[in-house]
Amino acid sequence: MINEVLKQKIINICENEQGEVCGFVVKDKNNNFDFIKVKNRHPLKESHFLISPVDFLQIKKEYIIEYLFHSHDGTSIFSEQDKYCQKFHNLNMLLLCKKTKIWSEMKCK
């Protein structure tokens, strides 16, 4: 899991956004962790997220992706769609409930 400073950075970003926030927790060449927010391109941003393949490939080219991140407004439980995406993309996932500030992690199996 990520450190408290990075968690707080992500919380601050989520508090200033409407709908689901999405992005990536990454490591740079010096093994420093950071969060890169990307635009949620889903038409129903309040309850879904969609990341552009171009955004994904650009980030993957420059960083090591540790987690695919997104937020939920009212639950810290991964949805069935989240679980499907995690298996399809084979990426660890990190979820933040914006209301309760509870984090959930789902590692690849």
C-alpha atoms as a PDB file:
ATOM      1  CA  MET A   1       0.000   0.000   0.000  1.00  0.00           C
ATOM      2  CA  ILE A   2       1.122   3.597  -0.486  1.00  0.00           C
ATOM      3  CA  ASN A   3       2.395   5.964   2.215  1.00  0.00           C
ATOM      4  CA  GLU A   4       0.264   8.474   4.123  1.00  0.00           C
ATOM      5  CA  VAL A   5       1.620  11.534   2.279  1.00  0.00           C
ATOM      6  CA  LEU A   6       0.590  10.132  -1.090  1.00  0.00           C
ATOM      7  CA  LYS A   7      -2.759   9.005   0.313  1.00  0.00           C
ATOM      8  CA  GLN A   8      -3.433  12.554   1.494  1.00  0.00           C
ATOM      9  CA  LYS A   9      -2.460  13.964  -1.911  1.00  0.00           C
ATOM     10  CA  ILE A  10      -5.003  11.658  -3.556  1.00  0.00           C
ATOM     11  CA  ILE A  11      -7.681  12.506  -0.976  1.00  0.00           C
ATOM     12  CA  ASN A  12      -7.143  16.224  -1.631  1.00  0.00           C
ATOM     13  CA  ILE A  13      -7.527  15.715  -5.380  1.00  0.00           C
ATOM     14  CA  CYS A  14     -10.700  13.650  -4.898  1.00  0.00           C
ATOM     15  CA  GLU A  15     -12.283  16.227  -2.590  1.00  0.00           C
ATOM     16  CA  ASN A  16     -12.064  18.827  -5.347  1.00  0.00           C
ATOM     17  CA  GLU A  17     -13.589  16.675  -8.095  1.00  0.00           C
ATOM     18  CA  GLN A  18     -17.145  15.662  -8.927  1.00  0.00           C
ATOM     19  CA  GLY A  19     -17.794  12.021  -9.791  1.00  0.00           C
ATOM     20  CA  GLU A  20     -15.277   9.223  -9.884  1.00  0.00           C
ATOM     21  CA  VAL A  21     -11.634  10.258 -10.002  1.00  0.00           C
ATOM     22  CA  CYS A  22      -9.196   7.972 -11.787  1.00  0.00           C
ATOM     23  CA  GLY A  23      -5.481   7.745 -12.303  1.00  0.00           C
ATOM     24  CA  PHE A  24      -2.369   5.764 -11.582  1.00  0.00           C
ATOM     25  CA  VAL A  25      -0.055   5.299  -8.633  1.00  0.00           C
ATOM     26  CA  VAL A  26       3.357   5.075 -10.274  1.00  0.00           C
ATOM     27  CA  LYS A  27       7.046   4.712  -9.531  1.00  0.00           C
ATOM     28  CA  ASP A  28       9.606   6.783 -11.393  1.00  0.00           C
ATOM     29  CA  LYS A  29      13.150   5.770 -12.383  1.00  0.00           C
ATOM     30  CA  ASN A  30      14.359   6.630  -8.862  1.00  0.00           C
ATOM     31  CA  ASN A  31      11.670   4.421  -7.240  1.00  0.00           C
ATOM     32  CA  ASN A  32       9.720   7.444  -5.964  1.00  0.00           C
ATOM     33  CA  PHE A  33       5.954   6.969  -5.774  1.00  0.00           C
ATOM     34  CA  ASP A  34       3.543   9.527  -7.171  1.00  0.00           C
ATOM     35  CA  PHE A  35      -0.071   9.823  -8.297  1.00  0.00           C
ATOM     36  CA  ILE A  36      -0.996  10.836 -11.830  1.00  0.00           C
ATOM     37  CA  LYS A  37      -4.622  11.828 -12.259  1.00  0.00           C
ATOM     38  CA  VAL A  38      -6.117  11.269 -15.684  1.00  0.00           C
ATOM     39  CA  LYS A  39      -9.356  12.529 -17.139  1.00  0.00           C
ATOM     40  CA  ASN A  40     -12.374  10.339 -16.496  1.00  0.00           C
ATOM     41  CA  ARG A  41     -13.810   9.946 -19.990  1.00  0.00           C
ATOM     42  CA  HIS A  42     -16.917   8.005 -19.042  1.00  0.00           C
ATOM     43  CA  PRO A  43     -20.214   9.801 -19.829  1.00  0.00           C
ATOM     44  CA  LEU A  44     -21.602   8.727 -16.397  1.00  0.00           C
ATOM     45  CA  LYS A  45     -18.720  10.052 -14.283  1.00  0.00           C
ATOM     46  CA  GLU A  46     -20.756   9.954 -11.076  1.00  0.00           C
ATOM     47  CA  SER A  47     -20.759   6.153 -11.053  1.00  0.00           C
ATOM     48  CA  HIS A  48     -18.208   4.927 -13.614  1.00  0.00           C
ATOM     49  CA  PHE A  49     -14.733   5.616 -14.897  1.00  0.00           C
ATOM     50  CA  LEU A  50     -13.028   5.209 -18.246  1.00  0.00           C
ATOM     51  CA  ILE A  51      -9.371   5.879 -18.971  1.00  0.00           C
ATOM     52  CA  SER A  52      -8.167   6.743 -22.455  1.00  0.00           C
ATOM     53  CA  PRO A  53      -5.814   4.131 -23.940  1.00  0.00           C
ATOM     54  CA  VAL A  54      -3.570   7.028 -25.007  1.00  0.00           C
ATOM     55  CA  ASP A  55      -3.304   8.256 -21.396  1.00  0.00           C
ATOM     56  CA  PHE A  56      -2.575   4.714 -20.208  1.00  0.00           C
ATOM     57  CA  LEU A  57       0.130   4.058 -22.803  1.00  0.00           C
ATOM     58  CA  GLN A  58       1.810   7.428 -22.230  1.00  0.00           C
ATOM     59  CA  ILE A  59       2.037   6.806 -18.486  1.00  0.00           C
ATOM     60  CA  LYS A  60       3.159   3.195 -18.969  1.00  0.00           C
ATOM     61  CA  LYS A  61       5.922   4.427 -21.265  1.00  0.00           C
ATOM     62  CA  GLU A  62       7.339   6.817 -18.646  1.00  0.00           C
ATOM     63  CA  TYR A  63       6.633   5.070 -15.317  1.00  0.00           C
ATOM     64  CA  ILE A  64       6.154   1.748 -13.581  1.00  0.00           C
ATOM     65  CA  ILE A  65       2.441   1.460 -12.838  1.00  0.00           C
ATOM     66  CA  GLU A  66       1.878   0.143  -9.323  1.00  0.00           C
ATOM     67  CA  TYR A  67      -1.901   0.664  -9.130  1.00  0.00           C
ATOM     68  CA  LEU A  68      -4.838   1.655 -11.256  1.00  0.00           C
ATOM     69  CA  PHE A  69      -6.735   4.036  -8.953  1.00  0.00           C
ATOM     70  CA  HIS A  70     -10.299   5.249  -8.859  1.00  0.00           C
ATOM     71  CA  SER A  71     -12.714   6.595  -6.290  1.00  0.00           C
ATOM     72  CA  HIS A  72     -16.269   5.788  -5.328  1.00  0.00           C
ATOM     73  CA  ASP A  73     -18.575   8.317  -3.719  1.00  0.00           C
ATOM     74  CA  GLY A  74     -20.233   6.016  -1.190  1.00  0.00           C
ATOM     75  CA  THR A  75     -18.519   2.624  -0.895  1.00  0.00           C
ATOM     76  CA  SER A  76     -15.063   1.148  -0.494  1.00  0.00           C
ATOM     77  CA  ILE A  77     -16.128  -2.151  -2.081  1.00  0.00           C
ATOM     78  CA  PHE A  78     -14.935  -3.015  -5.575  1.00  0.00           C
ATOM     79  CA  SER A  79     -17.813  -3.464  -8.020  1.00  0.00           C
ATOM     80  CA  GLU A  80     -18.123  -6.474 -10.313  1.00  0.00           C
ATOM     81  CA  GLN A  81     -17.080  -4.177 -13.184  1.00  0.00           C
ATOM     82  CA  ASP A  82     -13.974  -3.151 -11.203  1.00  0.00           C
ATOM     83  CA  LYS A  83     -13.078  -6.816 -10.686  1.00  0.00           C
ATOM     84  CA  TYR A  84     -13.547  -7.533 -14.385  1.00  0.00           C
ATOM     85  CA  CYS A  85     -11.338  -4.574 -15.375  1.00  0.00           C
ATOM     86  CA  GLN A  86      -8.663  -5.652 -12.922  1.00  0.00           C
ATOM     87  CA  LYS A  87      -8.490  -9.135 -14.437  1.00  0.00           C
ATOM     88  CA  PHE A  88      -8.652  -7.802 -17.996  1.00  0.00           C
ATOM     89  CA  HIS A  89      -5.837  -5.260 -17.499  1.00  0.00           C
ATOM     90  CA  ASN A  90      -3.851  -7.333 -14.984  1.00  0.00           C
ATOM     91  CA  LEU A  91      -3.166  -4.281 -12.800  1.00  0.00           C
ATOM     92  CA  ASN A  92      -3.315  -3.920  -9.040  1.00  0.00           C
ATOM     93  CA  MET A  93      -6.203  -1.651  -8.107  1.00  0.00           C
ATOM     94  CA  LEU A  94      -6.589   0.920  -5.383  1.00  0.00           C
ATOM     95  CA  LEU A  95      -9.951   2.390  -4.410  1.00  0.00           C
ATOM     96  CA  LEU A  96     -10.885   5.305  -2.175  1.00  0.00           C
ATOM     97  CA  CYS A  97     -14.368   5.917  -0.814  1.00  0.00           C
ATOM     98  CA  LYS A  98     -14.637   9.712  -0.976  1.00  0.00           C
ATOM     99  CA  LYS A  99     -17.292   9.850   1.751  1.00  0.00           C
ATOM    100  CA  THR A 100     -15.587   7.701   4.424  1.00  0.00           C
ATOM    101  CA  LYS A 101     -11.924   8.005   3.291  1.00  0.00           C
ATOM    102  CA  ILE A 102     -11.640   4.206   3.496  1.00  0.00           C
ATOM    103  CA  TRP A 103      -9.109   2.623   1.148  1.00  0.00           C
ATOM    104  CA  SER A 104      -9.349  -0.790  -0.523  1.00  0.00           C
ATOM    105  CA  GLU A 105      -6.674  -2.652  -2.395  1.00  0.00           C
ATOM    106  CA  MET A 106      -7.023  -5.493  -4.886  1.00  0.00           C
ATOM    107  CA  LYS A 107      -3.832  -7.207  -5.999  1.00  0.00           C
ATOM    108  CA  CYS A 108      -3.479  -9.283  -9.151  1.00  0.00           C
ATOM    109  CA  LYS A 109      -3.610 -13.006  -8.555  1.00  0.00           C
END
